[in-house]
Amino acid sequence: MGESDRVALSHGFFKIHQESHPETGSENSSFICPADISAESRSLVHETAKAIYRALGCGGLARVDVFLKEDGKVVLNEVNTLPGLTSYSRYPRMMAAAGYSLAEVIDMLVSLTLTGKAQ
């Protein structure tokens, strides 16, 4: 399990990245990792993400994206079953915040796949 992040917008809608230079990110957003939310909200986000992951029968690598509403409710946005693993991708940053290097994540995924325990 990785750490959660928060997309902070300066204006407008979230754009994943600039298409011509994705490593520079988006002009209107930044990522805060770990997310600067209360411990209670963090727990709710993590437990909701795990429940969604299990309910959908996911295995191995996935990123469950949710919205944490102002009233404290969690709403599913999407499940990304093959999130990016580049130097500017969110997934490796979230795993690093949870204490896992990208090499360790890849080793875990290969091991889970070879042992058939990817769920």
PDB file of N, CA and C in Angstrom:
ATOM      1  N   MET A   1       0.841  -1.173   0.000  1.00  0.00           N
ATOM      2  CA  MET A   1       0.000   0.000   0.000  1.00  0.00           C
ATOM      3  C   MET A   1       0.882   1.230   0.000  1.00  0.00           C
ATOM      4  N   GLY A   2       0.606   2.115  -0.930  1.00  0.00           N
ATOM      5  CA  GLY A   2       1.351   3.360  -1.025  1.00  0.00           C
ATOM      6  C   GLY A   2       0.731   4.442  -0.159  1.00  0.00           C
ATOM      7  N   GLU A   3       1.236   5.612  -0.302  1.00  0.00           N
ATOM      8  CA  GLU A   3       0.740   6.778   0.417  1.00  0.00           C
ATOM      9  C   GLU A   3      -0.231   7.519  -0.493  1.00  0.00           C
ATOM     10  N   SER A   4      -1.063   8.349   0.088  1.00  0.00           N
ATOM     11  CA  SER A   4      -1.981   9.153  -0.716  1.00  0.00           C
ATOM     12  C   SER A   4      -1.320  10.482  -1.064  1.00  0.00           C
ATOM     13  N   ASP A   5      -1.750  11.074  -2.161  1.00  0.00           N
ATOM     14  CA  ASP A   5      -1.298  12.409  -2.508  1.00  0.00           C
ATOM     15  C   ASP A   5      -2.513  13.298  -2.712  1.00  0.00           C
ATOM     16  N   ARG A   6      -2.262  14.591  -2.830  1.00  0.00           N
ATOM     17  CA  ARG A   6      -3.334  15.541  -3.092  1.00  0.00           C
ATOM     18  C   ARG A   6      -2.897  16.421  -4.237  1.00  0.00           C
ATOM     19  N   VAL A   7      -3.807  16.624  -5.181  1.00  0.00           N
ATOM     20  CA  VAL A   7      -3.544  17.521  -6.297  1.00  0.00           C
ATOM     21  C   VAL A   7      -4.029  18.905  -5.885  1.00  0.00           C
ATOM     22  N   ALA A   8      -3.102  19.852  -5.795  1.00  0.00           N
ATOM     23  CA  ALA A   8      -3.444  21.223  -5.426  1.00  0.00           C
ATOM     24  C   ALA A   8      -3.532  22.054  -6.706  1.00  0.00           C
ATOM     25  N   LEU A   9      -4.693  22.663  -6.937  1.00  0.00           N
ATOM     26  CA  LEU A   9      -4.898  23.477  -8.137  1.00  0.00           C
ATOM     27  C   LEU A   9      -4.767  24.956  -7.819  1.00  0.00           C
ATOM     28  N   SER A  10      -4.094  25.679  -8.701  1.00  0.00           N
ATOM     29  CA  SER A  10      -4.025  27.134  -8.561  1.00  0.00           C
ATOM     30  C   SER A  10      -5.212  27.791  -9.254  1.00  0.00           C
ATOM     31  N   HIS A  11      -5.728  27.122 -10.289  1.00  0.00           N
ATOM     32  CA  HIS A  11      -6.887  27.622 -11.033  1.00  0.00           C
ATOM     33  C   HIS A  11      -7.358  26.538 -12.012  1.00  0.00           C
ATOM     34  N   GLY A  12      -8.570  26.656 -12.469  1.00  0.00           N
ATOM     35  CA  GLY A  12      -9.094  25.799 -13.531  1.00  0.00           C
ATOM     36  C   GLY A  12      -9.215  24.337 -13.152  1.00  0.00           C
ATOM     37  N   PHE A  13      -9.170  23.500 -14.179  1.00  0.00           N
ATOM     38  CA  PHE A  13      -9.288  22.062 -14.033  1.00  0.00           C
ATOM     39  C   PHE A  13      -7.918  21.414 -14.064  1.00  0.00           C
ATOM     40  N   PHE A  14      -7.813  20.231 -13.451  1.00  0.00           N
ATOM     41  CA  PHE A  14      -6.561  19.487 -13.425  1.00  0.00           C
ATOM     42  C   PHE A  14      -6.215  18.967 -14.815  1.00  0.00           C
ATOM     43  N   LYS A  15      -5.026  19.280 -15.259  1.00  0.00           N
ATOM     44  CA  LYS A  15      -4.470  18.721 -16.488  1.00  0.00           C
ATOM     45  C   LYS A  15      -3.344  17.797 -16.052  1.00  0.00           C
ATOM     46  N   ILE A  16      -3.353  16.578 -16.555  1.00  0.00           N
ATOM     47  CA  ILE A  16      -2.380  15.588 -16.092  1.00  0.00           C
ATOM     48  C   ILE A  16      -0.960  16.097 -16.264  1.00  0.00           C
ATOM     49  N   HIS A  17      -0.610  16.567 -17.448  1.00  0.00           N
ATOM     50  CA  HIS A  17       0.719  17.122 -17.698  1.00  0.00           C
ATOM     51  C   HIS A  17       0.710  17.856 -19.027  1.00  0.00           C
ATOM     52  N   GLN A  18       1.784  18.548 -19.257  1.00  0.00           N
ATOM     53  CA  GLN A  18       1.946  19.225 -20.537  1.00  0.00           C
ATOM     54  C   GLN A  18       2.383  18.165 -21.547  1.00  0.00           C
ATOM     55  N   GLU A  19       1.707  18.092 -22.659  1.00  0.00           N
ATOM     56  CA  GLU A  19       2.005  17.040 -23.636  1.00  0.00           C
ATOM     57  C   GLU A  19       3.400  17.173 -24.249  1.00  0.00           C
ATOM     58  N   SER A  20       3.879  18.403 -24.470  1.00  0.00           N
ATOM     59  CA  SER A  20       5.178  18.564 -25.127  1.00  0.00           C
ATOM     60  C   SER A  20       6.348  18.337 -24.166  1.00  0.00           C
ATOM     61  N   HIS A  21       6.184  18.633 -22.875  1.00  0.00           N
ATOM     62  CA  HIS A  21       7.235  18.439 -21.876  1.00  0.00           C
ATOM     63  C   HIS A  21       6.605  17.909 -20.581  1.00  0.00           C
ATOM     64  N   PRO A  22       6.196  16.634 -20.564  1.00  0.00           N
ATOM     65  CA  PRO A  22       5.458  16.104 -19.409  1.00  0.00           C
ATOM     66  C   PRO A  22       6.230  16.168 -18.098  1.00  0.00           C
ATOM     67  N   GLU A  23       7.551  16.129 -18.166  1.00  0.00           N
ATOM     68  CA  GLU A  23       8.337  16.153 -16.934  1.00  0.00           C
ATOM     69  C   GLU A  23       8.225  17.476 -16.178  1.00  0.00           C
ATOM     70  N   THR A  24       7.731  18.535 -16.842  1.00  0.00           N
ATOM     71  CA  THR A  24       7.579  19.821 -16.163  1.00  0.00           C
ATOM     72  C   THR A  24       6.264  19.913 -15.413  1.00  0.00           C
ATOM     73  N   GLY A  25       5.395  18.938 -15.574  1.00  0.00           N
ATOM     74  CA  GLY A  25       4.122  18.932 -14.876  1.00  0.00           C
ATOM     75  C   GLY A  25       3.120  19.860 -15.525  1.00  0.00           C
ATOM     76  N   SER A  26       2.139  20.245 -14.770  1.00  0.00           N
ATOM     77  CA  SER A  26       1.059  21.089 -15.266  1.00  0.00           C
ATOM     78  C   SER A  26       1.241  22.504 -14.739  1.00  0.00           C
ATOM     79  N   GLU A  27       0.827  23.470 -15.534  1.00  0.00           N
ATOM     80  CA  GLU A  27       0.993  24.866 -15.124  1.00  0.00           C
ATOM     81  C   GLU A  27       0.022  25.281 -14.023  1.00  0.00           C
ATOM     82  N   ASN A  28      -0.994  24.488 -13.757  1.00  0.00           N
ATOM     83  CA  ASN A  28      -1.994  24.886 -12.772  1.00  0.00           C
ATOM     84  C   ASN A  28      -2.115  23.932 -11.578  1.00  0.00           C
ATOM     85  N   SER A  29      -1.181  22.991 -11.440  1.00  0.00           N
ATOM     86  CA  SER A  29      -1.321  22.039 -10.342  1.00  0.00           C
ATOM     87  C   SER A  29       0.034  21.616  -9.795  1.00  0.00           C
ATOM     88  N   SER A  30       0.006  21.168  -8.550  1.00  0.00           N
ATOM     89  CA  SER A  30       1.175  20.560  -7.926  1.00  0.00           C
ATOM     90  C   SER A  30       0.675  19.408  -7.067  1.00  0.00           C
ATOM     91  N   PHE A  31       1.584  18.506  -6.733  1.00  0.00           N
ATOM     92  CA  PHE A  31       1.216  17.331  -5.948  1.00  0.00           C
ATOM     93  C   PHE A  31       1.804  17.441  -4.554  1.00  0.00           C
ATOM     94  N   ILE A  32       0.983  17.171  -3.571  1.00  0.00           N
ATOM     95  CA  ILE A  32       1.404  17.170  -2.181  1.00  0.00           C
ATOM     96  C   ILE A  32       1.358  15.728  -1.711  1.00  0.00           C
ATOM     97  N   CYS A  33       2.528  15.190  -1.397  1.00  0.00           N
ATOM     98  CA  CYS A  33       2.624  13.779  -1.032  1.00  0.00           C
ATOM     99  C   CYS A  33       3.584  13.620   0.133  1.00  0.00           C
ATOM    100  N   PRO A  34       3.113  13.093   1.252  1.00  0.00           N
ATOM    101  CA  PRO A  34       1.761  12.601   1.480  1.00  0.00           C
ATOM    102  C   PRO A  34       0.757  13.749   1.542  1.00  0.00           C
ATOM    103  N   ALA A  35      -0.477  13.403   1.272  1.00  0.00           N
ATOM    104  CA  ALA A  35      -1.552  14.396   1.252  1.00  0.00           C
ATOM    105  C   ALA A  35      -1.642  15.101   2.601  1.00  0.00           C
ATOM    106  N   ASP A  36      -1.857  16.391   2.557  1.00  0.00           N
ATOM    107  CA  ASP A  36      -1.973  17.185   3.783  1.00  0.00           C
ATOM    108  C   ASP A  36      -3.421  17.207   4.268  1.00  0.00           C
ATOM    109  N   ILE A  37      -3.862  16.020   4.693  1.00  0.00           N
ATOM    110  CA  ILE A  37      -5.221  15.851   5.209  1.00  0.00           C
ATOM    111  C   ILE A  37      -5.132  15.256   6.603  1.00  0.00           C
ATOM    112  N   SER A  38      -6.224  15.307   7.339  1.00  0.00           N
ATOM    113  CA  SER A  38      -6.222  14.790   8.708  1.00  0.00           C
ATOM    114  C   SER A  38      -5.980  13.275   8.720  1.00  0.00           C
ATOM    115  N   ALA A  39      -5.527  12.785   9.853  1.00  0.00           N
ATOM    116  CA  ALA A  39      -5.309  11.344  10.011  1.00  0.00           C
ATOM    117  C   ALA A  39      -6.603  10.569   9.789  1.00  0.00           C
ATOM    118  N   GLU A  40      -7.706  11.130  10.258  1.00  0.00           N
ATOM    119  CA  GLU A  40      -9.007  10.478  10.075  1.00  0.00           C
ATOM    120  C   GLU A  40      -9.365  10.389   8.590  1.00  0.00           C
ATOM    121  N   SER A  41      -9.168  11.480   7.858  1.00  0.00           N
ATOM    122  CA  SER A  41      -9.460  11.470   6.418  1.00  0.00           C
ATOM    123  C   SER A  41      -8.521  10.536   5.674  1.00  0.00           C
ATOM    124  N   ARG A  42      -7.242  10.531   6.061  1.00  0.00           N
ATOM    125  CA  ARG A  42      -6.261   9.651   5.419  1.00  0.00           C
ATOM    126  C   ARG A  42      -6.683   8.194   5.592  1.00  0.00           C
ATOM    127  N   SER A  43      -7.094   7.830   6.800  1.00  0.00           N
ATOM    128  CA  SER A  43      -7.538   6.468   7.067  1.00  0.00           C
ATOM    129  C   SER A  43      -8.764   6.126   6.227  1.00  0.00           C
ATOM    130  N   LEU A  44      -9.726   7.036   6.147  1.00  0.00           N
ATOM    131  CA  LEU A  44     -10.928   6.805   5.344  1.00  0.00           C
ATOM    132  C   LEU A  44     -10.582   6.640   3.867  1.00  0.00           C
ATOM    133  N   VAL A  45      -9.686   7.472   3.361  1.00  0.00           N
ATOM    134  CA  VAL A  45      -9.262   7.375   1.957  1.00  0.00           C
ATOM    135  C   VAL A  45      -8.592   6.027   1.714  1.00  0.00           C
ATOM    136  N   HIS A  46      -7.661   5.631   2.598  1.00  0.00           N
ATOM    137  CA  HIS A  46      -6.948   4.354   2.423  1.00  0.00           C
ATOM    138  C   HIS A  46      -7.900   3.162   2.492  1.00  0.00           C
ATOM    139  N   GLU A  47      -8.787   3.160   3.478  1.00  0.00           N
ATOM    140  CA  GLU A  47      -9.715   2.037   3.627  1.00  0.00           C
ATOM    141  C   GLU A  47     -10.693   1.965   2.454  1.00  0.00           C
ATOM    142  N   THR A  48     -11.136   3.111   1.974  1.00  0.00           N
ATOM    143  CA  THR A  48     -12.039   3.139   0.812  1.00  0.00           C
ATOM    144  C   THR A  48     -11.319   2.618  -0.418  1.00  0.00           C
ATOM    145  N   ALA A  49     -10.082   3.070  -0.623  1.00  0.00           N
ATOM    146  CA  ALA A  49      -9.304   2.616  -1.785  1.00  0.00           C
ATOM    147  C   ALA A  49      -9.081   1.109  -1.744  1.00  0.00           C
ATOM    148  N   LYS A  50      -8.757   0.578  -0.562  1.00  0.00           N
ATOM    149  CA  LYS A  50      -8.563  -0.873  -0.441  1.00  0.00           C
ATOM    150  C   LYS A  50      -9.855  -1.634  -0.721  1.00  0.00           C
ATOM    151  N   ALA A  51     -10.974  -1.124  -0.226  1.00  0.00           N
ATOM    152  CA  ALA A  51     -12.263  -1.790  -0.452  1.00  0.00           C
ATOM    153  C   ALA A  51     -12.605  -1.799  -1.940  1.00  0.00           C
ATOM    154  N   ILE A  52     -12.360  -0.704  -2.617  1.00  0.00           N
ATOM    155  CA  ILE A  52     -12.628  -0.623  -4.063  1.00  0.00           C
ATOM    156  C   ILE A  52     -11.725  -1.588  -4.815  1.00  0.00           C
ATOM    157  N   TYR A  53     -10.444  -1.592  -4.483  1.00  0.00           N
ATOM    158  CA  TYR A  53      -9.460  -2.481  -5.111  1.00  0.00           C
ATOM    159  C   TYR A  53      -9.917  -3.941  -4.994  1.00  0.00           C
ATOM    160  N   ARG A  54     -10.308  -4.321  -3.782  1.00  0.00           N
ATOM    161  CA  ARG A  54     -10.737  -5.709  -3.550  1.00  0.00           C
ATOM    162  C   ARG A  54     -12.060  -6.021  -4.244  1.00  0.00           C
ATOM    163  N   ALA A  55     -12.996  -5.078  -4.185  1.00  0.00           N
ATOM    164  CA  ALA A  55     -14.319  -5.302  -4.793  1.00  0.00           C
ATOM    165  C   ALA A  55     -14.216  -5.496  -6.300  1.00  0.00           C
ATOM    166  N   LEU A  56     -13.274  -4.835  -6.922  1.00  0.00           N
ATOM    167  CA  LEU A  56     -13.097  -4.955  -8.370  1.00  0.00           C
ATOM    168  C   LEU A  56     -12.207  -6.133  -8.753  1.00  0.00           C
ATOM    169  N   GLY A  57     -11.667  -6.835  -7.761  1.00  0.00           N
ATOM    170  CA  GLY A  57     -10.816  -7.993  -8.041  1.00  0.00           C
ATOM    171  C   GLY A  57      -9.463  -7.611  -8.600  1.00  0.00           C
ATOM    172  N   CYS A  58      -8.977  -6.431  -8.256  1.00  0.00           N
ATOM    173  CA  CYS A  58      -7.673  -5.978  -8.750  1.00  0.00           C
ATOM    174  C   CYS A  58      -6.566  -6.842  -8.165  1.00  0.00           C
ATOM    175  N   GLY A  59      -5.443  -6.872  -8.844  1.00  0.00           N
ATOM    176  CA  GLY A  59      -4.282  -7.594  -8.372  1.00  0.00           C
ATOM    177  C   GLY A  59      -3.019  -6.849  -8.745  1.00  0.00           C
ATOM    178  N   GLY A  60      -2.049  -6.835  -7.845  1.00  0.00           N
ATOM    179  CA  GLY A  60      -0.771  -6.179  -8.123  1.00  0.00           C
ATOM    180  C   GLY A  60      -0.907  -4.671  -8.192  1.00  0.00           C
ATOM    181  N   LEU A  61      -0.355  -4.119  -9.237  1.00  0.00           N
ATOM    182  CA  LEU A  61      -0.251  -2.680  -9.435  1.00  0.00           C
ATOM    183  C   LEU A  61      -1.585  -2.034  -9.768  1.00  0.00           C
ATOM    184  N   ALA A  62      -1.938  -0.999  -9.035  1.00  0.00           N
ATOM    185  CA  ALA A  62      -3.129  -0.196  -9.342  1.00  0.00           C
ATOM    186  C   ALA A  62      -3.056   1.084  -8.515  1.00  0.00           C
ATOM    187  N   ARG A  63      -3.668   2.126  -9.032  1.00  0.00           N
ATOM    188  CA  ARG A  63      -3.815   3.374  -8.280  1.00  0.00           C
ATOM    189  C   ARG A  63      -5.297   3.703  -8.251  1.00  0.00           C
ATOM    190  N   VAL A  64      -5.862   3.782  -7.061  1.00  0.00           N
ATOM    191  CA  VAL A  64      -7.278   4.097  -6.894  1.00  0.00           C
ATOM    192  C   VAL A  64      -7.373   5.595  -6.624  1.00  0.00           C
ATOM    193  N   ASP A  65      -7.967   6.318  -7.557  1.00  0.00           N
ATOM    194  CA  ASP A  65      -8.111   7.770  -7.429  1.00  0.00           C
ATOM    195  C   ASP A  65      -9.490   8.105  -6.885  1.00  0.00           C
ATOM    196  N   VAL A  66      -9.498   8.869  -5.815  1.00  0.00           N
ATOM    197  CA  VAL A  66     -10.750   9.279  -5.191  1.00  0.00           C
ATOM    198  C   VAL A  66     -10.733  10.787  -4.962  1.00  0.00           C
ATOM    199  N   PHE A  67     -11.914  11.323  -4.743  1.00  0.00           N
ATOM    200  CA  PHE A  67     -12.070  12.709  -4.329  1.00  0.00           C
ATOM    201  C   PHE A  67     -12.460  12.699  -2.860  1.00  0.00           C
ATOM    202  N   LEU A  68     -11.818  13.531  -2.063  1.00  0.00           N
ATOM    203  CA  LEU A  68     -12.220  13.745  -0.683  1.00  0.00           C
ATOM    204  C   LEU A  68     -12.993  15.055  -0.678  1.00  0.00           C
ATOM    205  N   LYS A  69     -14.294  14.950  -0.468  1.00  0.00           N
ATOM    206  CA  LYS A  69     -15.159  16.125  -0.515  1.00  0.00           C
ATOM    207  C   LYS A  69     -15.034  16.946   0.768  1.00  0.00           C
ATOM    208  N   GLU A  70     -15.438  18.184   0.690  1.00  0.00           N
ATOM    209  CA  GLU A  70     -15.355  19.069   1.859  1.00  0.00           C
ATOM    210  C   GLU A  70     -16.149  18.543   3.047  1.00  0.00           C
ATOM    211  N   ASP A  71     -17.213  17.774   2.780  1.00  0.00           N
ATOM    212  CA  ASP A  71     -18.011  17.228   3.886  1.00  0.00           C
ATOM    213  C   ASP A  71     -17.409  15.940   4.460  1.00  0.00           C
ATOM    214  N   GLY A  72     -16.224  15.539   3.962  1.00  0.00           N
ATOM    215  CA  GLY A  72     -15.539  14.366   4.488  1.00  0.00           C
ATOM    216  C   GLY A  72     -15.859  13.065   3.793  1.00  0.00           C
ATOM    217  N   LYS A  73     -16.770  13.100   2.827  1.00  0.00           N
ATOM    218  CA  LYS A  73     -17.115  11.873   2.093  1.00  0.00           C
ATOM    219  C   LYS A  73     -16.064  11.617   1.004  1.00  0.00           C
ATOM    220  N   VAL A  74     -15.874  10.326   0.696  1.00  0.00           N
ATOM    221  CA  VAL A  74     -14.937   9.906  -0.333  1.00  0.00           C
ATOM    222  C   VAL A  74     -15.724   9.417  -1.536  1.00  0.00           C
ATOM    223  N   VAL A  75     -15.363   9.903  -2.719  1.00  0.00           N
ATOM    224  CA  VAL A  75     -16.049   9.544  -3.957  1.00  0.00           C
ATOM    225  C   VAL A  75     -15.026   8.969  -4.933  1.00  0.00           C
ATOM    226  N   LEU A  76     -15.334   7.822  -5.526  1.00  0.00           N
ATOM    227  CA  LEU A  76     -14.444   7.197  -6.502  1.00  0.00           C
ATOM    228  C   LEU A  76     -14.365   8.031  -7.770  1.00  0.00           C
ATOM    229  N   ASN A  77     -13.154   8.257  -8.254  1.00  0.00           N
ATOM    230  CA  ASN A  77     -12.930   8.886  -9.548  1.00  0.00           C
ATOM    231  C   ASN A  77     -12.616   7.814 -10.587  1.00  0.00           C
ATOM    232  N   GLU A  78     -11.550   7.048 -10.358  1.00  0.00           N
ATOM    233  CA  GLU A  78     -11.169   5.985 -11.290  1.00  0.00           C
ATOM    234  C   GLU A  78     -10.190   5.039 -10.625  1.00  0.00           C
ATOM    235  N   VAL A  79     -10.047   3.860 -11.217  1.00  0.00           N
ATOM    236  CA  VAL A  79      -9.010   2.931 -10.823  1.00  0.00           C
ATOM    237  C   VAL A  79      -8.085   2.805 -12.017  1.00  0.00           C
ATOM    238  N   ASN A  80      -6.845   3.173 -11.814  1.00  0.00           N
ATOM    239  CA  ASN A  80      -5.846   3.118 -12.874  1.00  0.00           C
ATOM    240  C   ASN A  80      -5.038   1.842 -12.652  1.00  0.00           C
ATOM    241  N   THR A  81      -5.311   0.828 -13.483  1.00  0.00           N
ATOM    242  CA  THR A  81      -4.675  -0.479 -13.283  1.00  0.00           C
ATOM    243  C   THR A  81      -3.283  -0.560 -13.897  1.00  0.00           C
ATOM    244  N   LEU A  82      -2.851   0.484 -14.557  1.00  0.00           N
ATOM    245  CA  LEU A  82      -1.480   0.531 -15.055  1.00  0.00           C
ATOM    246  C   LEU A  82      -0.978   1.974 -14.969  1.00  0.00           C
ATOM    247  N   PRO A  83      -0.805   2.467 -13.733  1.00  0.00           N
ATOM    248  CA  PRO A  83      -0.347   3.851 -13.580  1.00  0.00           C
ATOM    249  C   PRO A  83       1.082   4.015 -14.089  1.00  0.00           C
ATOM    250  N   GLY A  84       1.419   5.229 -14.469  1.00  0.00           N
ATOM    251  CA  GLY A  84       2.749   5.516 -14.988  1.00  0.00           C
ATOM    252  C   GLY A  84       3.847   5.228 -13.984  1.00  0.00           C
ATOM    253  N   LEU A  85       5.001   4.860 -14.484  1.00  0.00           N
ATOM    254  CA  LEU A  85       6.156   4.570 -13.640  1.00  0.00           C
ATOM    255  C   LEU A  85       7.354   5.430 -14.033  1.00  0.00           C
ATOM    256  N   THR A  86       7.094   6.586 -14.628  1.00  0.00           N
ATOM    257  CA  THR A  86       8.175   7.470 -15.038  1.00  0.00           C
ATOM    258  C   THR A  86       8.661   8.301 -13.854  1.00  0.00           C
ATOM    259  N   SER A  87       9.716   9.065 -14.068  1.00  0.00           N
ATOM    260  CA  SER A  87      10.261   9.913 -13.005  1.00  0.00           C
ATOM    261  C   SER A  87       9.285  11.007 -12.595  1.00  0.00           C
ATOM    262  N   TYR A  88       8.319  11.340 -13.434  1.00  0.00           N
ATOM    263  CA  TYR A  88       7.358  12.392 -13.106  1.00  0.00           C
ATOM    264  C   TYR A  88       5.954  11.850 -12.832  1.00  0.00           C
ATOM    265  N   SER A  89       5.811  10.540 -12.705  1.00  0.00           N
ATOM    266  CA  SER A  89       4.512   9.930 -12.437  1.00  0.00           C
ATOM    267  C   SER A  89       4.174   9.980 -10.951  1.00  0.00           C
ATOM    268  N   ARG A  90       2.891   9.996 -10.657  1.00  0.00           N
ATOM    269  CA  ARG A  90       2.421  10.060  -9.274  1.00  0.00           C
ATOM    270  C   ARG A  90       2.674   8.766  -8.507  1.00  0.00           C
ATOM    271  N   TYR A  91       2.455   7.615  -9.141  1.00  0.00           N
ATOM    272  CA  TYR A  91       2.556   6.328  -8.440  1.00  0.00           C
ATOM    273  C   TYR A  91       3.920   6.140  -7.772  1.00  0.00           C
ATOM    274  N   PRO A  92       5.041   6.319  -8.484  1.00  0.00           N
ATOM    275  CA  PRO A  92       6.336   6.149  -7.810  1.00  0.00           C
ATOM    276  C   PRO A  92       6.532   7.134  -6.650  1.00  0.00           C
ATOM    277  N   ARG A  93       6.003   8.354  -6.785  1.00  0.00           N
ATOM    278  CA  ARG A  93       6.120   9.327  -5.692  1.00  0.00           C
ATOM    279  C   ARG A  93       5.336   8.865  -4.462  1.00  0.00           C
ATOM    280  N   MET A  94       4.148   8.329  -4.684  1.00  0.00           N
ATOM    281  CA  MET A  94       3.335   7.863  -3.567  1.00  0.00           C
ATOM    282  C   MET A  94       3.980   6.657  -2.892  1.00  0.00           C
ATOM    283  N   MET A  95       4.557   5.759  -3.674  1.00  0.00           N
ATOM    284  CA  MET A  95       5.223   4.596  -3.100  1.00  0.00           C
ATOM    285  C   MET A  95       6.475   5.022  -2.343  1.00  0.00           C
ATOM    286  N   ALA A  96       7.219   6.009  -2.875  1.00  0.00           N
ATOM    287  CA  ALA A  96       8.407   6.518  -2.182  1.00  0.00           C
ATOM    288  C   ALA A  96       8.012   7.134  -0.844  1.00  0.00           C
ATOM    289  N   ALA A  97       6.892   7.851  -0.808  1.00  0.00           N
ATOM    290  CA  ALA A  97       6.421   8.451   0.440  1.00  0.00           C
ATOM    291  C   ALA A  97       6.040   7.378   1.455  1.00  0.00           C
ATOM    292  N   ALA A  98       5.688   6.189   0.973  1.00  0.00           N
ATOM    293  CA  ALA A  98       5.362   5.067   1.864  1.00  0.00           C
ATOM    294  C   ALA A  98       6.613   4.259   2.215  1.00  0.00           C
ATOM    295  N   GLY A  99       7.779   4.677   1.676  1.00  0.00           N
ATOM    296  CA  GLY A  99       9.035   4.025   2.027  1.00  0.00           C
ATOM    297  C   GLY A  99       9.540   2.986   1.049  1.00  0.00           C
ATOM    298  N   TYR A 100       8.977   2.937  -0.154  1.00  0.00           N
ATOM    299  CA  TYR A 100       9.391   1.951  -1.148  1.00  0.00           C
ATOM    300  C   TYR A 100      10.039   2.636  -2.345  1.00  0.00           C
ATOM    301  N   SER A 101      11.225   2.190  -2.718  1.00  0.00           N
ATOM    302  CA  SER A 101      11.869   2.699  -3.933  1.00  0.00           C
ATOM    303  C   SER A 101      11.176   2.064  -5.142  1.00  0.00           C
ATOM    304  N   LEU A 102      11.366   2.654  -6.306  1.00  0.00           N
ATOM    305  CA  LEU A 102      10.773   2.095  -7.516  1.00  0.00           C
ATOM    306  C   LEU A 102      11.302   0.684  -7.773  1.00  0.00           C
ATOM    307  N   ALA A 103      12.583   0.460  -7.505  1.00  0.00           N
ATOM    308  CA  ALA A 103      13.160  -0.881  -7.684  1.00  0.00           C
ATOM    309  C   ALA A 103      12.467  -1.892  -6.769  1.00  0.00           C
ATOM    310  N   GLU A 104      12.188  -1.498  -5.523  1.00  0.00           N
ATOM    311  CA  GLU A 104      11.498  -2.399  -4.594  1.00  0.00           C
ATOM    312  C   GLU A 104      10.076  -2.697  -5.061  1.00  0.00           C
ATOM    313  N   VAL A 105       9.396  -1.691  -5.575  1.00  0.00           N
ATOM    314  CA  VAL A 105       8.028  -1.874  -6.083  1.00  0.00           C
ATOM    315  C   VAL A 105       8.032  -2.863  -7.237  1.00  0.00           C
ATOM    316  N   ILE A 106       8.958  -2.682  -8.161  1.00  0.00           N
ATOM    317  CA  ILE A 106       9.032  -3.580  -9.318  1.00  0.00           C
ATOM    318  C   ILE A 106       9.379  -4.994  -8.864  1.00  0.00           C
ATOM    319  N   ASP A 107      10.320  -5.132  -7.927  1.00  0.00           N
ATOM    320  CA  ASP A 107      10.656  -6.451  -7.385  1.00  0.00           C
ATOM    321  C   ASP A 107       9.437  -7.121  -6.755  1.00  0.00           C
ATOM    322  N   MET A 108       8.651  -6.350  -5.984  1.00  0.00           N
ATOM    323  CA  MET A 108       7.446  -6.905  -5.354  1.00  0.00           C
ATOM    324  C   MET A 108       6.441  -7.370  -6.414  1.00  0.00           C
ATOM    325  N   LEU A 109       6.254  -6.568  -7.460  1.00  0.00           N
ATOM    326  CA  LEU A 109       5.297  -6.915  -8.508  1.00  0.00           C
ATOM    327  C   LEU A 109       5.718  -8.175  -9.249  1.00  0.00           C
ATOM    328  N   VAL A 110       7.006  -8.282  -9.557  1.00  0.00           N
ATOM    329  CA  VAL A 110       7.505  -9.485 -10.239  1.00  0.00           C
ATOM    330  C   VAL A 110       7.331 -10.700  -9.337  1.00  0.00           C
ATOM    331  N   SER A 111       7.678 -10.567  -8.063  1.00  0.00           N
ATOM    332  CA  SER A 111       7.534 -11.668  -7.121  1.00  0.00           C
ATOM    333  C   SER A 111       6.084 -12.098  -6.977  1.00  0.00           C
ATOM    334  N   LEU A 112       5.180 -11.127  -6.835  1.00  0.00           N
ATOM    335  CA  LEU A 112       3.747 -11.445  -6.723  1.00  0.00           C
ATOM    336  C   LEU A 112       3.250 -12.162  -7.965  1.00  0.00           C
ATOM    337  N   THR A 113       3.712 -11.736  -9.114  1.00  0.00           N
ATOM    338  CA  THR A 113       3.282 -12.360 -10.372  1.00  0.00           C
ATOM    339  C   THR A 113       3.809 -13.790 -10.478  1.00  0.00           C
ATOM    340  N   LEU A 114       5.067 -13.984 -10.133  1.00  0.00           N
ATOM    341  CA  LEU A 114       5.655 -15.314 -10.235  1.00  0.00           C
ATOM    342  C   LEU A 114       5.060 -16.303  -9.229  1.00  0.00           C
ATOM    343  N   THR A 115       4.638 -15.808  -8.082  1.00  0.00           N
ATOM    344  CA  THR A 115       4.076 -16.701  -7.074  1.00  0.00           C
ATOM    345  C   THR A 115       2.565 -16.846  -7.228  1.00  0.00           C
ATOM    346  N   GLY A 116       1.962 -16.047  -8.106  1.00  0.00           N
ATOM    347  CA  GLY A 116       0.522 -16.106  -8.315  1.00  0.00           C
ATOM    348  C   GLY A 116      -0.268 -15.453  -7.200  1.00  0.00           C
ATOM    349  N   LYS A 117       0.372 -14.607  -6.402  1.00  0.00           N
ATOM    350  CA  LYS A 117      -0.291 -13.961  -5.273  1.00  0.00           C
ATOM    351  C   LYS A 117      -0.477 -12.464  -5.544  1.00  0.00           C
ATOM    352  N   ALA A 118      -0.807 -12.115  -6.747  1.00  0.00           N
ATOM    353  CA  ALA A 118      -0.903 -10.714  -7.142  1.00  0.00           C
ATOM    354  C   ALA A 118      -2.207 -10.050  -6.705  1.00  0.00           C
ATOM    355  N   GLN A 119      -3.062 -10.723  -5.952  1.00  0.00           N
ATOM    356  CA  GLN A 119      -4.306 -10.086  -5.503  1.00  0.00           C
ATOM    357  C   GLN A 119      -4.262  -9.759  -4.050  1.00  0.00           C
TER     358      GLN A 119
END
